[in-house]
Amino acid sequence: MTHSHEERTMKMVRGAGVLVGVLALAGAAMAQRVETRGVTPAEIVLGMHTDLSGPAATYGVSSSNAVKMRFDEINEKGGLHGRKIKLIIEDTQYQVPRAVQAGAKLINRDRIFAMVAGLGTPMNNALFKDQLDAGVPNLFPLSAARSMFEPFHKLKFYGAATYVDQVRAGISYFVTKKGKKAVCAMYQDTDFGKEVLDGIQVQVEKMKIKLAETTTHKPTDQDFTAQITKLKAAGCDLVVLGTIVRDSIVPYSTARKIGWTDVDFLGSAASYDLFVAAAQGGVTEGLYAMGLTDMPYRDTLSPAAQAWFDRYKDRFKVEPNIGAVYGHVAADLTAVALDKAGPNLSLDSFVKALESIKGYRDIFNGPEVSFGPDKHQGASSSFLAVVKGGRWVRLTDPLTF
């Protein structure tokens, strides 16, 4: 073979190599464009971080049960556009370090398409950076903090009134309708508790009344005698609570036990829970809270919600609580968007589908939910409820402030 012929052959081989390389790169780029994390022709992988064994487990267990049940029912009917929904649930025990671990696993190892109904303000906040950087939407968390949709991010969606909206509406009602003048705050020393405090501060300033005293506690605290004594000494006539379940029951019953009765206690929707109303010995009788949807008492539900109640009880051998309602609505809204996005599911088509949801109504008499390209909070109204005879009773139409 002549030298020049050899050179020509080498050039051709090199050229073919370059061409193969270019084609491989182009193929990889196309595959990247076509491939959406957590989505295959047969499956959509969704994640959920929640509290299955800590202080907010009443919410976590019931909400994850309901999310699971909704997706299983969709899968039994063949899924959405031929894809089944696979749900991976991780227990955070309502602890931020555990939530960070759970989030890392769901995002990096399980490569989920979206996070659904994650529980807890501090837990969601701790995951946002890594989750959003990875392109994983955060859908309808069980937290009503403003950070669930603010600052605006195309991947953050929240369905209801914030804690700030709720307590502002509640304080406005108590001041205008019941003549309250000295508001106090008792809140968890967490991101969640501070959200409630923000709402209180904004509203007392707006209404030119005084915030007489504030106390804080840890989510796991058991004894609230010191806090209640301090609030009573300040002469509060309305105590607004940034509390969840156990820390709503114990302070209220402590106040009544020491004979402090000329005061009302108002919780956010985080206190609006079956366990709070049904506390042993009727110790929460007369406690107020803001609600987002009707409480799932079977005899008060619509026929569709009664059927859901029966399916839930039959499957999990326990009656659903408000956490189950939130879980069902979160899963249902997610399914509506996945269906609207069509067979060519991508992150962009999914976000557009979410933003196109208008006038959604759940089966629990919740507020009408609508989103848009610059509106990722679905609704903002809440109502006042009170514990009567061991049950939550709704007192008002949706309130504003």
Protein backbone atom coordinates (compact mmCIF):
# COMPACT_ATOMS: atom_id res chain seq x y z
CA MET A 1 0.00 0.00 0.00
CA THR A 2 1.48 3.37 -0.96
CA HIS A 3 2.12 5.99 1.69
CA SER A 4 -0.53 8.37 0.26
CA HIS A 5 -3.09 5.54 0.03
CA GLU A 6 -2.39 4.59 3.65
CA GLU A 7 -2.83 8.23 4.69
CA ARG A 8 -6.15 8.45 2.79
CA THR A 9 -7.39 5.27 4.51
CA MET A 10 -6.40 6.61 7.95
CA LYS A 11 -8.20 9.90 7.23
CA MET A 12 -11.33 7.99 6.23
CA VAL A 13 -11.19 5.88 9.43
CA ARG A 14 -10.64 9.03 11.49
CA GLY A 15 -13.51 10.77 9.65
CA ALA A 16 -15.79 7.81 10.26
CA GLY A 17 -14.80 7.88 13.93
CA VAL A 18 -15.63 11.57 14.20
CA LEU A 19 -18.93 10.98 12.41
CA VAL A 20 -19.80 8.11 14.77
CA GLY A 21 -18.88 10.37 17.70
CA VAL A 22 -21.05 13.22 16.39
CA LEU A 23 -23.97 10.85 15.81
CA ALA A 24 -23.54 9.36 19.29
CA LEU A 25 -23.57 12.85 20.82
CA ALA A 26 -26.63 13.84 18.79
CA GLY A 27 -28.34 10.61 19.82
CA ALA A 28 -27.53 11.26 23.48
CA ALA A 29 -28.83 14.83 23.20
CA MET A 30 -32.05 13.58 21.62
CA ALA A 31 -32.44 10.89 24.27
CA GLN A 32 -31.90 13.54 26.92
CA ARG A 33 -34.59 15.72 25.35
CA VAL A 34 -37.03 12.83 25.09
CA GLU A 35 -36.28 11.20 28.45
CA THR A 36 -38.10 12.75 31.42
CA ARG A 37 -36.89 11.74 34.87
CA GLY A 38 -39.30 9.39 36.66
CA VAL A 39 -41.29 8.69 33.49
CA THR A 40 -41.21 5.58 31.28
CA PRO A 41 -43.80 4.40 28.74
CA ALA A 42 -45.25 2.19 31.51
CA GLU A 43 -44.76 4.20 34.71
CA ILE A 44 -44.66 7.56 36.51
CA VAL A 45 -42.64 7.57 39.74
CA LEU A 46 -43.82 9.99 42.44
CA GLY A 47 -42.37 10.57 45.91
CA MET A 48 -43.77 11.58 49.29
CA HIS A 49 -41.91 12.51 52.48
CA THR A 50 -44.11 12.48 55.56
CA ASP A 51 -44.32 11.71 59.28
CA LEU A 52 -45.29 8.07 59.87
CA SER A 53 -44.00 7.73 63.44
CA GLY A 54 -43.40 11.19 64.99
CA PRO A 55 -45.49 14.01 66.53
CA ALA A 56 -47.47 14.71 63.32
CA ALA A 57 -48.07 11.04 62.40
CA THR A 58 -51.86 11.45 62.62
CA TYR A 59 -51.52 13.64 59.52
CA GLY A 60 -48.74 11.66 57.88
CA VAL A 61 -50.26 8.18 58.11
CA SER A 62 -53.74 9.25 57.02
CA SER A 63 -52.56 11.49 54.17
CA SER A 64 -50.17 8.87 52.77
CA ASN A 65 -52.92 6.22 53.00
CA ALA A 66 -55.25 8.45 50.99
CA VAL A 67 -52.62 9.33 48.36
CA LYS A 68 -51.83 5.62 47.98
CA MET A 69 -55.54 4.74 47.71
CA ARG A 70 -56.24 7.40 45.05
CA PHE A 71 -53.29 6.31 42.89
CA ASP A 72 -54.10 2.59 43.33
CA GLU A 73 -57.67 3.24 42.16
CA ILE A 74 -56.32 5.03 39.07
CA ASN A 75 -53.89 2.14 38.42
CA GLU A 76 -56.70 -0.43 38.72
CA LYS A 77 -58.46 1.38 35.87
CA GLY A 78 -55.37 1.13 33.66
CA GLY A 79 -53.45 4.22 34.80
CA LEU A 80 -53.13 7.50 32.90
CA HIS A 81 -52.36 7.31 29.17
CA GLY A 82 -51.14 3.75 29.70
CA ARG A 83 -48.82 4.64 32.59
CA LYS A 84 -49.24 3.30 36.13
CA ILE A 85 -48.34 5.57 39.06
CA LYS A 86 -45.64 4.24 41.39
CA LEU A 87 -45.59 6.00 44.78
CA ILE A 88 -42.53 5.86 47.06
CA ILE A 89 -43.15 7.05 50.65
CA GLU A 90 -40.40 7.93 53.15
CA ASP A 91 -40.83 8.52 56.90
CA THR A 92 -39.28 11.75 58.26
CA GLN A 93 -40.61 11.44 61.85
CA TYR A 94 -41.22 15.21 61.52
CA GLN A 95 -37.45 15.82 61.79
CA VAL A 96 -35.54 18.01 59.35
CA PRO A 97 -32.35 15.86 59.15
CA ARG A 98 -34.45 12.78 58.34
CA ALA A 99 -36.42 14.78 55.76
CA VAL A 100 -33.15 15.83 54.07
CA GLN A 101 -32.07 12.15 53.89
CA ALA A 102 -35.48 11.08 52.58
CA GLY A 103 -35.49 13.86 49.99
CA ALA A 104 -31.99 12.97 48.76
CA LYS A 105 -33.03 9.33 48.33
CA LEU A 106 -36.25 10.18 46.46
CA ILE A 107 -34.61 12.78 44.22
CA ASN A 108 -31.26 11.12 43.48
CA ARG A 109 -31.74 7.38 43.88
CA ASP A 110 -35.43 6.91 43.03
CA ARG A 111 -35.35 9.74 40.45
CA ILE A 112 -38.96 10.73 41.11
CA PHE A 113 -40.90 12.85 38.61
CA ALA A 114 -42.60 14.94 41.33
CA MET A 115 -43.03 15.21 45.10
CA VAL A 116 -46.65 14.98 46.29
CA ALA A 117 -48.17 15.97 49.67
CA GLY A 118 -44.87 16.32 51.55
CA LEU A 119 -45.61 17.00 55.22
CA GLY A 120 -44.31 19.87 57.33
CA THR A 121 -43.13 23.43 56.78
CA PRO A 122 -39.51 22.98 57.97
CA MET A 123 -39.20 19.71 56.03
CA ASN A 124 -40.44 21.15 52.73
CA ASN A 125 -38.28 24.26 53.17
CA ALA A 126 -35.18 22.14 53.82
CA LEU A 127 -35.66 20.20 50.58
CA PHE A 128 -36.59 23.00 48.19
CA LYS A 129 -33.13 23.93 46.90
CA ASP A 130 -31.96 20.44 45.90
CA GLN A 131 -35.42 19.38 44.77
CA LEU A 132 -36.09 22.37 42.54
CA ASP A 133 -32.52 22.37 41.18
CA ALA A 134 -33.15 18.75 40.11
CA GLY A 135 -36.34 19.81 38.30
CA VAL A 136 -38.72 17.99 40.67
CA PRO A 137 -42.07 19.78 41.18
CA ASN A 138 -43.42 20.20 44.72
CA LEU A 139 -47.15 19.50 44.64
CA PHE A 140 -49.79 20.33 47.25
CA PRO A 141 -47.71 19.91 50.41
CA LEU A 142 -49.30 19.48 53.85
CA SER A 143 -47.99 22.84 54.94
CA ALA A 144 -49.76 26.15 54.54
CA ALA A 145 -46.62 28.29 54.74
CA ARG A 146 -46.24 31.03 52.12
CA SER A 147 -42.92 29.45 51.08
CA MET A 148 -44.93 26.61 49.50
CA PHE A 149 -45.57 28.95 46.54
CA GLU A 150 -43.49 32.09 47.31
CA PRO A 151 -41.18 33.33 45.98
CA PHE A 152 -42.79 32.26 42.71
CA HIS A 153 -41.19 29.20 41.15
CA LYS A 154 -42.58 27.33 38.16
CA LEU A 155 -42.32 24.02 40.06
CA LYS A 156 -44.07 25.01 43.34
CA PHE A 157 -47.85 24.48 43.59
CA TYR A 158 -50.03 24.86 46.69
CA GLY A 159 -53.80 24.44 46.81
CA ALA A 160 -55.29 26.41 49.71
CA ALA A 161 -55.19 29.31 52.20
CA THR A 162 -51.88 29.92 53.99
CA TYR A 163 -51.45 29.99 57.78
CA VAL A 164 -51.09 33.76 57.43
CA ASP A 165 -54.39 33.99 55.49
CA GLN A 166 -56.10 31.76 58.05
CA VAL A 167 -55.09 33.50 61.28
CA ARG A 168 -55.63 36.94 59.77
CA ALA A 169 -59.22 35.98 58.87
CA GLY A 170 -59.75 34.45 62.33
CA ILE A 171 -58.39 37.44 64.26
CA SER A 172 -60.46 39.82 62.13
CA TYR A 173 -63.60 37.83 63.03
CA PHE A 174 -62.86 37.77 66.78
CA VAL A 175 -62.02 41.48 66.95
CA THR A 176 -64.98 42.69 64.88
CA LYS A 177 -67.61 40.18 66.05
CA LYS A 178 -66.50 39.43 69.62
CA GLY A 179 -64.74 42.63 70.63
CA LYS A 180 -61.34 41.06 71.42
CA LYS A 181 -58.65 43.59 72.37
CA ALA A 182 -55.61 41.73 73.74
CA VAL A 183 -54.26 39.06 71.40
CA CYS A 184 -51.54 36.63 72.47
CA ALA A 185 -49.52 34.12 70.46
CA MET A 186 -48.44 30.64 71.52
CA TYR A 187 -46.44 28.92 68.81
CA GLN A 188 -43.97 26.16 68.02
CA ASP A 189 -40.43 27.43 67.68
CA THR A 190 -40.29 26.15 64.08
CA ASP A 191 -40.76 27.55 60.56
CA PHE A 192 -44.44 26.61 60.89
CA GLY A 193 -44.93 28.43 64.20
CA LYS A 194 -43.19 31.54 62.89
CA GLU A 195 -45.56 31.64 59.89
CA VAL A 196 -48.51 31.77 62.30
CA LEU A 197 -46.76 34.52 64.29
CA ASP A 198 -46.25 36.53 61.08
CA GLY A 199 -49.98 36.35 60.36
CA ILE A 200 -50.82 37.47 63.90
CA GLN A 201 -48.41 40.41 63.78
CA VAL A 202 -49.66 41.65 60.39
CA GLN A 203 -53.30 41.52 61.50
CA VAL A 204 -52.92 43.13 64.95
CA GLU A 205 -50.99 45.99 63.33
CA LYS A 206 -53.67 46.39 60.67
CA MET A 207 -56.44 46.45 63.30
CA LYS A 208 -54.51 48.67 65.74
CA ILE A 209 -54.81 46.27 68.67
CA LYS A 210 -52.04 44.99 70.91
CA LEU A 211 -50.08 41.77 70.83
CA ALA A 212 -49.98 41.37 74.59
CA GLU A 213 -47.62 38.39 74.93
CA THR A 214 -45.97 35.54 73.02
CA THR A 215 -44.67 32.13 74.13
CA THR A 216 -42.81 29.39 72.25
CA HIS A 217 -42.30 25.65 72.68
CA LYS A 218 -40.80 22.63 70.90
CA PRO A 219 -43.12 20.33 68.87
CA THR A 220 -42.33 17.49 71.31
CA ASP A 221 -42.97 19.41 74.57
CA GLN A 222 -45.46 17.81 76.98
CA ASP A 223 -45.95 20.41 79.74
CA PHE A 224 -47.31 23.89 79.00
CA THR A 225 -47.96 25.19 82.53
CA ALA A 226 -45.27 27.89 82.27
CA GLN A 227 -46.59 29.20 78.95
CA ILE A 228 -50.24 29.26 80.08
CA THR A 229 -49.33 31.00 83.36
CA LYS A 230 -47.40 33.66 81.42
CA LEU A 231 -50.26 34.25 78.94
CA LYS A 232 -52.87 34.46 81.72
CA ALA A 233 -50.77 37.04 83.58
CA ALA A 234 -50.66 39.17 80.39
CA GLY A 235 -54.46 39.44 80.38
CA CYS A 236 -55.01 37.99 76.89
CA ASP A 237 -58.60 37.62 75.71
CA LEU A 238 -57.64 35.71 72.53
CA VAL A 239 -54.75 33.22 72.28
CA VAL A 240 -53.82 32.34 68.70
CA LEU A 241 -52.07 28.97 68.40
CA GLY A 242 -49.23 27.98 66.09
CA THR A 243 -49.67 24.37 67.19
CA ILE A 244 -50.57 21.01 65.63
CA VAL A 245 -52.29 18.13 67.47
CA ARG A 246 -50.91 17.29 70.92
CA ASP A 247 -49.65 20.84 71.51
CA SER A 248 -53.15 22.17 70.73
CA ILE A 249 -54.88 19.84 73.21
CA VAL A 250 -52.60 20.12 76.26
CA PRO A 251 -52.29 23.95 76.55
CA TYR A 252 -56.04 24.44 76.06
CA SER A 253 -56.94 21.82 78.68
CA THR A 254 -54.27 23.27 81.03
CA ALA A 255 -55.86 26.74 80.76
CA ARG A 256 -59.33 25.37 81.54
CA LYS A 257 -57.95 23.26 84.41
CA ILE A 258 -56.52 26.31 86.18
CA GLY A 259 -59.85 28.09 85.75
CA TRP A 260 -58.83 30.47 82.97
CA THR A 261 -62.13 30.64 81.09
CA ASP A 262 -62.56 34.29 80.03
CA VAL A 263 -60.34 33.73 76.98
CA ASP A 264 -60.78 32.11 73.56
CA PHE A 265 -58.16 29.93 71.87
CA LEU A 266 -57.91 29.93 68.06
CA GLY A 267 -55.81 27.46 66.04
CA SER A 268 -54.86 27.45 62.37
CA ALA A 269 -55.95 24.60 60.09
CA ALA A 270 -53.05 22.60 61.60
CA SER A 271 -55.15 22.30 64.81
CA TYR A 272 -58.31 21.41 62.86
CA ASP A 273 -57.97 17.66 63.38
CA LEU A 274 -60.34 14.86 64.48
CA PHE A 275 -58.06 13.89 67.37
CA VAL A 276 -58.10 17.45 68.72
CA ALA A 277 -61.91 17.59 68.80
CA ALA A 278 -62.27 14.06 70.17
CA ALA A 279 -59.66 14.47 72.95
CA GLN A 280 -60.45 12.30 75.98
CA GLY A 281 -62.77 13.76 78.58
CA GLY A 282 -63.99 16.53 76.26
CA VAL A 283 -61.03 18.71 77.28
CA THR A 284 -61.04 20.68 73.99
CA GLU A 285 -64.72 21.68 74.12
CA GLY A 286 -64.98 25.31 72.93
CA LEU A 287 -61.61 25.40 71.13
CA TYR A 288 -61.72 27.29 67.80
CA ALA A 289 -59.73 26.63 64.62
CA MET A 290 -59.70 27.69 61.00
CA GLY A 291 -60.79 25.03 58.50
CA LEU A 292 -60.19 24.54 54.77
CA THR A 293 -62.63 21.69 54.02
CA ASP A 294 -65.43 19.93 55.89
CA MET A 295 -64.26 17.49 58.56
CA PRO A 296 -64.81 13.87 57.42
CA TYR A 297 -67.71 12.91 59.70
CA ARG A 298 -69.52 10.35 57.57
CA ASP A 299 -73.04 11.61 58.31
CA THR A 300 -72.17 15.14 57.10
CA LEU A 301 -70.45 14.14 53.84
CA SER A 302 -71.71 14.20 50.24
CA PRO A 303 -72.59 10.79 48.71
CA ALA A 304 -69.29 10.77 46.75
CA ALA A 305 -67.31 11.53 49.92
CA GLN A 306 -69.27 8.91 51.89
CA ALA A 307 -68.32 6.30 49.28
CA TRP A 308 -64.67 7.41 49.60
CA PHE A 309 -64.97 7.22 53.43
CA ASP A 310 -66.24 3.63 53.21
CA ARG A 311 -63.48 2.55 50.80
CA TYR A 312 -60.84 4.10 53.08
CA LYS A 313 -62.24 2.47 56.23
CA ASP A 314 -62.60 -0.87 54.48
CA ARG A 315 -58.99 -0.79 53.29
CA PHE A 316 -57.17 0.71 56.30
CA LYS A 317 -59.50 -0.50 59.11
CA VAL A 318 -59.72 3.00 60.55
CA GLU A 319 -61.88 6.02 59.77
CA PRO A 320 -60.22 8.77 57.69
CA ASN A 321 -59.28 12.05 59.35
CA ILE A 322 -58.61 15.49 57.86
CA GLY A 323 -55.10 14.41 56.80
CA ALA A 324 -56.73 11.80 54.57
CA VAL A 325 -58.88 14.53 53.00
CA TYR A 326 -55.77 16.63 52.24
CA GLY A 327 -53.98 13.56 50.85
CA HIS A 328 -56.88 12.62 48.59
CA VAL A 329 -57.18 16.16 47.21
CA ALA A 330 -53.39 16.39 46.61
CA ALA A 331 -53.37 13.06 44.75
CA ASP A 332 -56.51 13.91 42.79
CA LEU A 333 -55.19 17.31 41.64
CA THR A 334 -51.91 15.62 40.63
CA ALA A 335 -53.86 13.03 38.63
CA VAL A 336 -55.97 15.72 36.93
CA ALA A 337 -52.76 17.43 35.75
CA LEU A 338 -51.09 14.16 34.65
CA ASP A 339 -54.20 13.35 32.62
CA LYS A 340 -54.35 16.84 31.07
CA ALA A 341 -50.65 16.68 30.16
CA GLY A 342 -51.46 13.88 27.70
CA PRO A 343 -49.40 10.89 26.55
CA ASN A 344 -46.23 12.94 25.82
CA LEU A 345 -45.54 13.69 29.47
CA SER A 346 -42.66 16.09 30.13
CA LEU A 347 -41.90 18.57 32.88
CA ASP A 348 -43.10 21.45 30.69
CA SER A 349 -46.32 19.76 29.55
CA PHE A 350 -47.08 18.86 33.18
CA VAL A 351 -46.54 22.42 34.47
CA LYS A 352 -48.73 23.80 31.66
CA ALA A 353 -51.42 21.25 32.57
CA LEU A 354 -51.31 22.29 36.24
CA GLU A 355 -51.56 25.96 35.26
CA SER A 356 -54.61 25.19 33.12
CA ILE A 357 -56.67 23.80 36.06
CA LYS A 358 -59.65 26.09 36.61
CA GLY A 359 -62.62 25.76 38.96
CA TYR A 360 -61.60 22.36 40.42
CA ARG A 361 -63.94 21.23 43.21
CA ASP A 362 -63.09 18.38 45.57
CA ILE A 363 -65.71 16.04 47.08
CA PHE A 364 -65.32 17.57 50.58
CA ASN A 365 -66.87 21.01 50.04
CA GLY A 366 -63.42 22.59 49.85
CA PRO A 367 -62.84 25.93 48.10
CA GLU A 368 -62.77 26.18 44.31
CA VAL A 369 -59.19 25.71 43.11
CA SER A 370 -57.72 27.51 40.06
CA PHE A 371 -54.14 28.01 38.87
CA GLY A 372 -52.53 30.09 36.15
CA PRO A 373 -49.09 30.87 34.65
CA ASP A 374 -48.45 33.43 37.42
CA LYS A 375 -50.79 31.97 40.08
CA HIS A 376 -49.57 28.87 41.92
CA GLN A 377 -51.77 29.22 45.05
CA GLY A 378 -55.04 27.50 44.17
CA ALA A 379 -57.34 29.09 46.78
CA SER A 380 -57.09 31.46 49.76
CA SER A 381 -60.30 31.20 51.82
CA SER A 382 -60.84 29.52 55.20
CA PHE A 383 -63.72 29.33 57.68
CA LEU A 384 -64.12 29.28 61.48
CA ALA A 385 -65.00 26.05 63.32
CA VAL A 386 -65.44 25.17 67.01
CA VAL A 387 -65.35 21.95 69.05
CA LYS A 388 -68.84 21.02 70.24
CA GLY A 389 -69.65 17.64 71.78
CA GLY A 390 -66.35 16.14 70.61
CA ARG A 391 -66.78 17.23 66.97
CA TRP A 392 -65.74 20.18 64.85
CA VAL A 393 -68.74 22.31 63.90
CA ARG A 394 -68.42 24.85 61.10
CA LEU A 395 -69.56 28.33 62.22
CA THR A 396 -69.05 30.62 59.23
CA ASP A 397 -68.89 30.92 55.47
CA PRO A 398 -65.41 31.57 54.07
CA LEU A 399 -63.89 34.54 55.91
CA THR A 400 -61.73 37.34 54.56
CA PHE A 401 -59.50 39.88 56.28
